Amino acid sequence: MSLLHQERDRFRTGLKCSRCGAEGHAEWEENSGVSSQGPMGTLIAISENFTQAAARNAQGQPRIVCKACGALHPD
């Protein structure tokens, strides 16, 4: 029995803190989830100016927080 490996699309989104202006990016990989806003992704990397919060948003996606000032990045 052989297993098929299906590549998932990866994409990068820009991040900019609305409070202090810090900039960075997040890298995502598509997963099988879909929300009212479209396909969902799994966070696989985040630039050093931001971090992943322990809490998730209403769609179950990770929340992103600015390390410099603690502001929550909008969904």
C-alpha atoms as a PDB file:
ATOM      1  CA  MET A   1       0.000   0.000   0.000  1.00  0.00           C
ATOM      2  CA  SER A   2       1.440   3.365  -0.963  1.00  0.00           C
ATOM      3  CA  LEU A   3       0.636   6.677   0.579  1.00  0.00           C
ATOM      4  CA  LEU A   4       0.150   9.698  -1.629  1.00  0.00           C
ATOM      5  CA  HIS A   5       1.846  12.861  -0.465  1.00  0.00           C
ATOM      6  CA  GLN A   6      -0.060  15.941  -1.471  1.00  0.00           C
ATOM      7  CA  GLU A   7       1.796  19.242  -1.321  1.00  0.00           C
ATOM      8  CA  ARG A   8      -0.078  21.956   0.494  1.00  0.00           C
ATOM      9  CA  ASP A   9       0.124  25.526  -0.703  1.00  0.00           C
ATOM     10  CA  ARG A  10       2.188  27.865   1.436  1.00  0.00           C
ATOM     11  CA  PHE A  11       1.688  31.576   1.525  1.00  0.00           C
ATOM     12  CA  ARG A  12       3.012  34.618   3.357  1.00  0.00           C
ATOM     13  CA  THR A  13       1.008  37.492   4.790  1.00  0.00           C
ATOM     14  CA  GLY A  14       2.411  40.846   5.782  1.00  0.00           C
ATOM     15  CA  LEU A  15       1.944  42.059   9.347  1.00  0.00           C
ATOM     16  CA  LYS A  16       1.967  45.653  10.557  1.00  0.00           C
ATOM     17  CA  CYS A  17       1.140  46.671  14.106  1.00  0.00           C
ATOM     18  CA  SER A  18      -1.613  49.267  14.172  1.00  0.00           C
ATOM     19  CA  ARG A  19      -0.295  50.667  17.467  1.00  0.00           C
ATOM     20  CA  CYS A  20       3.481  51.011  17.058  1.00  0.00           C
ATOM     21  CA  GLY A  21       4.058  50.305  13.356  1.00  0.00           C
ATOM     22  CA  ALA A  22       6.285  47.227  13.778  1.00  0.00           C
ATOM     23  CA  GLU A  23       6.350  45.179  10.579  1.00  0.00           C
ATOM     24  CA  GLY A  24       6.877  41.519   9.807  1.00  0.00           C
ATOM     25  CA  HIS A  25       5.231  38.531   8.198  1.00  0.00           C
ATOM     26  CA  ALA A  26       3.555  35.221   8.925  1.00  0.00           C
ATOM     27  CA  GLU A  27       3.936  32.059   6.854  1.00  0.00           C
ATOM     28  CA  TRP A  28       0.957  29.768   6.484  1.00  0.00           C
ATOM     29  CA  GLU A  29       0.214  26.372   5.007  1.00  0.00           C
ATOM     30  CA  GLU A  30      -3.250  25.574   3.697  1.00  0.00           C
ATOM     31  CA  ASN A  31      -5.233  23.031   5.662  1.00  0.00           C
ATOM     32  CA  SER A  32      -8.590  21.427   4.962  1.00  0.00           C
ATOM     33  CA  GLY A  33     -10.586  23.919   7.034  1.00  0.00           C
ATOM     34  CA  VAL A  34     -12.834  26.531   5.475  1.00  0.00           C
ATOM     35  CA  SER A  35     -14.416  29.538   7.164  1.00  0.00           C
ATOM     36  CA  SER A  36     -16.848  32.160   5.928  1.00  0.00           C
ATOM     37  CA  GLN A  37     -13.756  34.172   4.929  1.00  0.00           C
ATOM     38  CA  GLY A  38     -12.316  31.379   2.743  1.00  0.00           C
ATOM     39  CA  PRO A  39      -9.722  28.601   3.176  1.00  0.00           C
ATOM     40  CA  MET A  40      -7.977  28.371   6.509  1.00  0.00           C
ATOM     41  CA  GLY A  41      -4.284  27.914   7.115  1.00  0.00           C
ATOM     42  CA  THR A  42      -1.909  26.569   9.697  1.00  0.00           C
ATOM     43  CA  LEU A  43       0.643  29.064  11.020  1.00  0.00           C
ATOM     44  CA  ILE A  44       4.093  27.583  10.343  1.00  0.00           C
ATOM     45  CA  ALA A  45       6.408  30.571  10.956  1.00  0.00           C
ATOM     46  CA  ILE A  46       6.238  34.140  12.195  1.00  0.00           C
ATOM     47  CA  SER A  47       8.823  36.928  12.007  1.00  0.00           C
ATOM     48  CA  GLU A  48      10.719  37.995  15.106  1.00  0.00           C
ATOM     49  CA  ASN A  49       8.670  41.178  15.727  1.00  0.00           C
ATOM     50  CA  PHE A  50       5.528  39.151  16.469  1.00  0.00           C
ATOM     51  CA  THR A  51       4.494  36.119  18.473  1.00  0.00           C
ATOM     52  CA  GLN A  52       1.576  33.720  18.593  1.00  0.00           C
ATOM     53  CA  ALA A  53      -0.888  34.294  21.437  1.00  0.00           C
ATOM     54  CA  ALA A  54      -2.170  31.387  23.504  1.00  0.00           C
ATOM     55  CA  ALA A  55      -5.778  32.232  22.591  1.00  0.00           C
ATOM     56  CA  ARG A  56      -7.328  31.633  19.173  1.00  0.00           C
ATOM     57  CA  ASN A  57      -9.897  33.685  17.254  1.00  0.00           C
ATOM     58  CA  ALA A  58     -13.538  32.657  16.718  1.00  0.00           C
ATOM     59  CA  GLN A  59     -12.567  30.567  13.639  1.00  0.00           C
ATOM     60  CA  GLY A  60      -9.907  28.676  15.630  1.00  0.00           C
ATOM     61  CA  GLN A  61      -6.977  30.426  13.967  1.00  0.00           C
ATOM     62  CA  PRO A  62      -3.953  31.589  16.009  1.00  0.00           C
ATOM     63  CA  ARG A  63      -3.940  35.178  17.276  1.00  0.00           C
ATOM     64  CA  ILE A  64      -0.817  37.197  16.513  1.00  0.00           C
ATOM     65  CA  VAL A  65       0.616  39.722  18.970  1.00  0.00           C
ATOM     66  CA  CYS A  66       3.214  42.473  18.478  1.00  0.00           C
ATOM     67  CA  LYS A  67       6.246  41.819  20.696  1.00  0.00           C
ATOM     68  CA  ALA A  68       7.131  45.523  20.923  1.00  0.00           C
ATOM     69  CA  CYS A  69       3.877  46.839  22.364  1.00  0.00           C
ATOM     70  CA  GLY A  70       1.605  43.834  23.000  1.00  0.00           C
ATOM     71  CA  ALA A  71      -1.090  44.884  20.520  1.00  0.00           C
ATOM     72  CA  LEU A  72      -3.226  42.109  19.104  1.00  0.00           C
ATOM     73  CA  HIS A  73      -3.091  41.929  15.302  1.00  0.00           C
ATOM     74  CA  PRO A  74      -6.589  42.096  13.756  1.00  0.00           C
ATOM     75  CA  ASP A  75      -7.913  38.880  12.195  1.00  0.00           C
END
